[in-house]
């Protein structure tokens, strides 16, 4: 896998830290919302567009 691509993904740890949610919730969202993912050197990375689209839908901006 190309290292450049791997750097742009988000790990479960990244997502948990940014959105302050448990990692178990991230795995459930990844499955439910069919996030694109790939693995590089044993680490799973989620596509940032899929992650942000899910959280934008779940937590719409307040007016």
PDB file of N, CA and C in Angstrom:
ATOM      1  N   UNK A   1       0.849  -1.188   0.000  1.00  0.00           N
ATOM      2  CA  UNK A   1       0.000   0.000   0.000  1.00  0.00           C
ATOM      3  C   UNK A   1       0.887   1.241   0.000  1.00  0.00           C
ATOM      4  N   UNK A   2       0.469   2.229  -0.690  1.00  0.00           N
ATOM      5  CA  UNK A   2       1.200   3.487  -0.790  1.00  0.00           C
ATOM      6  C   UNK A   2       1.151   4.228   0.551  1.00  0.00           C
ATOM      7  N   UNK A   3       2.286   4.575   1.079  1.00  0.00           N
ATOM      8  CA  UNK A   3       2.358   5.264   2.377  1.00  0.00           C
ATOM      9  C   UNK A   3       1.649   6.612   2.361  1.00  0.00           C
ATOM     10  N   UNK A   4       1.667   7.314   1.243  1.00  0.00           N
ATOM     11  CA  UNK A   4       0.998   8.609   1.162  1.00  0.00           C
ATOM     12  C   UNK A   4      -0.482   8.472   1.465  1.00  0.00           C
ATOM     13  N   UNK A   5      -1.104   7.437   0.949  1.00  0.00           N
ATOM     14  CA  UNK A   5      -2.528   7.222   1.171  1.00  0.00           C
ATOM     15  C   UNK A   5      -2.794   6.921   2.642  1.00  0.00           C
ATOM     16  N   UNK A   6      -1.972   6.096   3.248  1.00  0.00           N
ATOM     17  CA  UNK A   6      -2.179   5.701   4.633  1.00  0.00           C
ATOM     18  C   UNK A   6      -2.166   6.892   5.575  1.00  0.00           C
ATOM     19  N   UNK A   7      -1.385   7.883   5.284  1.00  0.00           N
ATOM     20  CA  UNK A   7      -1.271   9.052   6.153  1.00  0.00           C
ATOM     21  C   UNK A   7      -2.578   9.846   6.178  1.00  0.00           C
ATOM     22  N   UNK A   8      -3.363   9.799   5.115  1.00  0.00           N
ATOM     23  CA  UNK A   8      -4.573  10.612   5.045  1.00  0.00           C
ATOM     24  C   UNK A   8      -5.762   9.996   5.771  1.00  0.00           C
ATOM     25  N   UNK A   9      -5.681   8.732   6.155  1.00  0.00           N
ATOM     26  CA  UNK A   9      -6.792   8.085   6.839  1.00  0.00           C
ATOM     27  C   UNK A   9      -6.814   8.419   8.317  1.00  0.00           C
ATOM     28  N   UNK A  10      -7.920   8.050   8.951  1.00  0.00           N
ATOM     29  CA  UNK A  10      -8.083   8.255  10.388  1.00  0.00           C
ATOM     30  C   UNK A  10      -8.172   6.905  11.083  1.00  0.00           C
ATOM     31  N   UNK A  11      -7.431   6.746  12.145  1.00  0.00           N
ATOM     32  CA  UNK A  11      -7.525   5.514  12.933  1.00  0.00           C
ATOM     33  C   UNK A  11      -8.682   5.646  13.925  1.00  0.00           C
ATOM     34  N   UNK A  12      -9.077   4.532  14.514  1.00  0.00           N
ATOM     35  CA  UNK A  12     -10.125   4.569  15.536  1.00  0.00           C
ATOM     36  C   UNK A  12      -9.695   5.467  16.692  1.00  0.00           C
ATOM     37  N   UNK A  13      -8.423   5.430  17.025  1.00  0.00           N
ATOM     38  CA  UNK A  13      -7.907   6.296  18.093  1.00  0.00           C
ATOM     39  C   UNK A  13      -8.061   7.772  17.724  1.00  0.00           C
ATOM     40  N   UNK A  14      -7.720   8.122  16.478  1.00  0.00           N
ATOM     41  CA  UNK A  14      -7.873   9.510  16.013  1.00  0.00           C
ATOM     42  C   UNK A  14      -9.320   9.970  16.158  1.00  0.00           C
ATOM     43  N   UNK A  15     -10.229   9.133  15.692  1.00  0.00           N
ATOM     44  CA  UNK A  15     -11.653   9.483  15.702  1.00  0.00           C
ATOM     45  C   UNK A  15     -12.164   9.603  17.133  1.00  0.00           C
ATOM     46  N   UNK A  16     -11.778   8.665  17.990  1.00  0.00           N
ATOM     47  CA  UNK A  16     -12.198   8.699  19.396  1.00  0.00           C
ATOM     48  C   UNK A  16     -11.722   9.972  20.080  1.00  0.00           C
ATOM     49  N   UNK A  17     -10.520  10.387  19.762  1.00  0.00           N
ATOM     50  CA  UNK A  17      -9.964  11.592  20.365  1.00  0.00           C
ATOM     51  C   UNK A  17     -10.658  12.850  19.844  1.00  0.00           C
ATOM     52  N   UNK A  18     -10.857  12.927  18.531  1.00  0.00           N
ATOM     53  CA  UNK A  18     -11.457  14.121  17.932  1.00  0.00           C
ATOM     54  C   UNK A  18     -12.918  14.324  18.338  1.00  0.00           C
ATOM     55  N   UNK A  19     -13.689  13.241  18.356  1.00  0.00           N
ATOM     56  CA  UNK A  19     -15.121  13.357  18.627  1.00  0.00           C
ATOM     57  C   UNK A  19     -15.489  12.941  20.037  1.00  0.00           C
ATOM     58  N   UNK A  20     -14.501  12.526  20.825  1.00  0.00           N
ATOM     59  CA  UNK A  20     -14.712  12.142  22.222  1.00  0.00           C
ATOM     60  C   UNK A  20     -15.806  11.093  22.385  1.00  0.00           C
ATOM     61  N   UNK A  21     -15.634   9.997  21.667  1.00  0.00           N
ATOM     62  CA  UNK A  21     -16.567   8.877  21.760  1.00  0.00           C
ATOM     63  C   UNK A  21     -15.776   7.593  21.955  1.00  0.00           C
ATOM     64  N   UNK A  22     -16.404   6.569  22.519  1.00  0.00           N
ATOM     65  CA  UNK A  22     -15.706   5.298  22.729  1.00  0.00           C
ATOM     66  C   UNK A  22     -15.360   4.614  21.402  1.00  0.00           C
ATOM     67  N   UNK A  23     -14.284   3.864  21.416  1.00  0.00           N
ATOM     68  CA  UNK A  23     -13.861   3.157  20.202  1.00  0.00           C
ATOM     69  C   UNK A  23     -14.900   2.148  19.731  1.00  0.00           C
ATOM     70  N   UNK A  24     -15.627   1.539  20.645  1.00  0.00           N
ATOM     71  CA  UNK A  24     -16.668   0.598  20.260  1.00  0.00           C
ATOM     72  C   UNK A  24     -17.737   1.251  19.397  1.00  0.00           C
ATOM     73  N   UNK A  25     -18.052   2.500  19.691  1.00  0.00           N
ATOM     74  CA  UNK A  25     -19.013   3.252  18.898  1.00  0.00           C
ATOM     75  C   UNK A  25     -18.481   3.488  17.491  1.00  0.00           C
ATOM     76  N   UNK A  26     -17.201   3.731  17.384  1.00  0.00           N
ATOM     77  CA  UNK A  26     -16.585   3.955  16.078  1.00  0.00           C
ATOM     78  C   UNK A  26     -16.699   2.704  15.219  1.00  0.00           C
ATOM     79  N   UNK A  27     -16.405   1.560  15.796  1.00  0.00           N
ATOM     80  CA  UNK A  27     -16.500   0.312  15.035  1.00  0.00           C
ATOM     81  C   UNK A  27     -17.937   0.050  14.591  1.00  0.00           C
ATOM     82  N   UNK A  28     -18.892   0.386  15.456  1.00  0.00           N
ATOM     83  CA  UNK A  28     -20.304   0.202  15.101  1.00  0.00           C
ATOM     84  C   UNK A  28     -20.692   1.146  13.964  1.00  0.00           C
ATOM     85  N   UNK A  29     -20.283   2.406  14.044  1.00  0.00           N
ATOM     86  CA  UNK A  29     -20.576   3.361  12.971  1.00  0.00           C
ATOM     87  C   UNK A  29     -19.915   2.929  11.662  1.00  0.00           C
ATOM     88  N   UNK A  30     -18.682   2.470  11.751  1.00  0.00           N
ATOM     89  CA  UNK A  30     -17.965   2.040  10.544  1.00  0.00           C
ATOM     90  C   UNK A  30     -18.724   0.917   9.843  1.00  0.00           C
ATOM     91  N   UNK A  31     -19.261   0.014  10.625  1.00  0.00           N
ATOM     92  CA  UNK A  31     -20.029  -1.089  10.045  1.00  0.00           C
ATOM     93  C   UNK A  31     -21.390  -0.601   9.532  1.00  0.00           C
ATOM     94  N   UNK A  32     -22.103   0.132  10.359  1.00  0.00           N
ATOM     95  CA  UNK A  32     -23.450   0.585  10.024  1.00  0.00           C
ATOM     96  C   UNK A  32     -23.473   1.503   8.812  1.00  0.00           C
ATOM     97  N   UNK A  33     -22.531   2.443   8.768  1.00  0.00           N
ATOM     98  CA  UNK A  33     -22.511   3.437   7.693  1.00  0.00           C
ATOM     99  C   UNK A  33     -21.556   3.076   6.557  1.00  0.00           C
ATOM    100  N   UNK A  34     -21.004   1.864   6.632  1.00  0.00           N
ATOM    101  CA  UNK A  34     -20.141   1.314   5.580  1.00  0.00           C
ATOM    102  C   UNK A  34     -18.982   2.233   5.194  1.00  0.00           C
ATOM    103  N   UNK A  35     -18.233   2.640   6.217  1.00  0.00           N
ATOM    104  CA  UNK A  35     -17.070   3.482   5.953  1.00  0.00           C
ATOM    105  C   UNK A  35     -16.049   2.705   5.129  1.00  0.00           C
ATOM    106  N   UNK A  36     -15.447   3.395   4.177  1.00  0.00           N
ATOM    107  CA  UNK A  36     -14.338   2.796   3.437  1.00  0.00           C
ATOM    108  C   UNK A  36     -13.153   2.699   4.392  1.00  0.00           C
ATOM    109  N   UNK A  37     -12.417   1.617   4.277  1.00  0.00           N
ATOM    110  CA  UNK A  37     -11.266   1.418   5.169  1.00  0.00           C
ATOM    111  C   UNK A  37     -10.177   0.640   4.446  1.00  0.00           C
ATOM    112  N   UNK A  38      -9.000   0.763   4.957  1.00  0.00           N
ATOM    113  CA  UNK A  38      -7.876  -0.013   4.444  1.00  0.00           C
ATOM    114  C   UNK A  38      -6.911  -0.237   5.585  1.00  0.00           C
ATOM    115  N   UNK A  39      -6.091  -1.244   5.434  1.00  0.00           N
ATOM    116  CA  UNK A  39      -5.133  -1.595   6.473  1.00  0.00           C
ATOM    117  C   UNK A  39      -3.723  -1.441   5.923  1.00  0.00           C
ATOM    118  N   UNK A  40      -2.858  -0.855   6.722  1.00  0.00           N
ATOM    119  CA  UNK A  40      -1.453  -0.699   6.369  1.00  0.00           C
ATOM    120  C   UNK A  40      -0.630  -0.982   7.610  1.00  0.00           C
ATOM    121  N   UNK A  41       0.319  -1.866   7.495  1.00  0.00           N
ATOM    122  CA  UNK A  41       1.189  -2.284   8.608  1.00  0.00           C
ATOM    123  C   UNK A  41       0.394  -2.596   9.879  1.00  0.00           C
ATOM    124  N   UNK A  42      -0.707  -3.328   9.710  1.00  0.00           N
ATOM    125  CA  UNK A  42      -1.486  -3.765  10.855  1.00  0.00           C
ATOM    126  C   UNK A  42      -2.452  -2.742  11.424  1.00  0.00           C
ATOM    127  N   UNK A  43      -2.516  -1.584  10.868  1.00  0.00           N
ATOM    128  CA  UNK A  43      -3.423  -0.538  11.352  1.00  0.00           C
ATOM    129  C   UNK A  43      -4.547  -0.308  10.362  1.00  0.00           C
ATOM    130  N   UNK A  44      -5.754  -0.121  10.875  1.00  0.00           N
ATOM    131  CA  UNK A  44      -6.900   0.161  10.016  1.00  0.00           C
ATOM    132  C   UNK A  44      -7.117   1.665   9.971  1.00  0.00           C
ATOM    133  N   UNK A  45      -7.308   2.158   8.755  1.00  0.00           N
ATOM    134  CA  UNK A  45      -7.557   3.579   8.525  1.00  0.00           C
ATOM    135  C   UNK A  45      -8.920   3.736   7.873  1.00  0.00           C
ATOM    136  N   UNK A  46      -9.682   4.708   8.349  1.00  0.00           N
ATOM    137  CA  UNK A  46     -11.002   4.986   7.801  1.00  0.00           C
ATOM    138  C   UNK A  46     -10.938   6.238   6.939  1.00  0.00           C
ATOM    139  N   UNK A  47     -11.737   6.251   5.884  1.00  0.00           N
ATOM    140  CA  UNK A  47     -11.740   7.376   4.953  1.00  0.00           C
ATOM    141  C   UNK A  47     -12.341   8.596   5.656  1.00  0.00           C
ATOM    142  N   UNK A  48     -11.614   9.710   5.700  1.00  0.00           N
ATOM    143  CA  UNK A  48     -12.093  10.900   6.423  1.00  0.00           C
ATOM    144  C   UNK A  48     -13.438  11.421   5.928  1.00  0.00           C
ATOM    145  N   UNK A  49     -13.718  11.320   4.632  1.00  0.00           N
ATOM    146  CA  UNK A  49     -14.997  11.804   4.108  1.00  0.00           C
ATOM    147  C   UNK A  49     -16.168  11.009   4.674  1.00  0.00           C
ATOM    148  N   UNK A  50     -15.991   9.702   4.816  1.00  0.00           N
ATOM    149  CA  UNK A  50     -17.048   8.859   5.367  1.00  0.00           C
ATOM    150  C   UNK A  50     -17.277   9.182   6.846  1.00  0.00           C
ATOM    151  N   UNK A  51     -16.192   9.374   7.566  1.00  0.00           N
ATOM    152  CA  UNK A  51     -16.278   9.678   8.996  1.00  0.00           C
ATOM    153  C   UNK A  51     -16.991  11.007   9.214  1.00  0.00           C
ATOM    154  N   UNK A  52     -16.554  12.044   8.524  1.00  0.00           N
ATOM    155  CA  UNK A  52     -17.167  13.364   8.730  1.00  0.00           C
ATOM    156  C   UNK A  52     -18.612  13.400   8.247  1.00  0.00           C
ATOM    157  N   UNK A  53     -18.924  12.697   7.166  1.00  0.00           N
ATOM    158  CA  UNK A  53     -20.309  12.657   6.680  1.00  0.00           C
ATOM    159  C   UNK A  53     -21.226  12.028   7.729  1.00  0.00           C
ATOM    160  N   UNK A  54     -20.760  10.984   8.380  1.00  0.00           N
ATOM    161  CA  UNK A  54     -21.557  10.335   9.416  1.00  0.00           C
ATOM    162  C   UNK A  54     -21.797  11.282  10.579  1.00  0.00           C
ATOM    163  N   UNK A  55     -20.750  11.922  11.061  1.00  0.00           N
ATOM    164  CA  UNK A  55     -20.918  12.808  12.214  1.00  0.00           C
ATOM    165  C   UNK A  55     -21.684  14.075  11.862  1.00  0.00           C
ATOM    166  N   UNK A  56     -21.587  14.536  10.636  1.00  0.00           N
ATOM    167  CA  UNK A  56     -22.398  15.680  10.202  1.00  0.00           C
ATOM    168  C   UNK A  56     -23.877  15.312  10.227  1.00  0.00           C
ATOM    169  N   UNK A  57     -24.195  14.085   9.861  1.00  0.00           N
ATOM    170  CA  UNK A  57     -25.580  13.616   9.855  1.00  0.00           C
ATOM    171  C   UNK A  57     -26.095  13.411  11.276  1.00  0.00           C
ATOM    172  N   UNK A  58     -25.249  12.856  12.135  1.00  0.00           N
ATOM    173  CA  UNK A  58     -25.677  12.558  13.503  1.00  0.00           C
ATOM    174  C   UNK A  58     -25.748  13.798  14.382  1.00  0.00           C
ATOM    175  N   UNK A  59     -24.876  14.754  14.106  1.00  0.00           N
ATOM    176  CA  UNK A  59     -24.818  15.984  14.907  1.00  0.00           C
ATOM    177  C   UNK A  59     -24.865  17.201  13.990  1.00  0.00           C
ATOM    178  N   UNK A  60     -26.040  17.518  13.472  1.00  0.00           N
ATOM    179  CA  UNK A  60     -26.120  18.666  12.572  1.00  0.00           C
ATOM    180  C   UNK A  60     -25.741  19.952  13.291  1.00  0.00           C
ATOM    181  N   UNK A  61     -25.183  20.881  12.523  1.00  0.00           N
ATOM    182  CA  UNK A  61     -24.771  22.163  13.111  1.00  0.00           C
ATOM    183  C   UNK A  61     -25.972  22.874  13.697  1.00  0.00           C
ATOM    184  N   UNK A  62     -25.742  23.482  14.844  1.00  0.00           N
ATOM    185  CA  UNK A  62     -26.825  24.210  15.486  1.00  0.00           C
ATOM    186  C   UNK A  62     -26.911  25.615  14.905  1.00  0.00           C
ATOM    187  N   UNK A  63     -28.143  26.026  14.649  1.00  0.00           N
ATOM    188  CA  UNK A  63     -28.435  27.229  13.960  1.00  0.00           C
ATOM    189  C   UNK A  63     -27.981  28.493  14.483  1.00  0.00           C
TER     190      UNK A  63
END
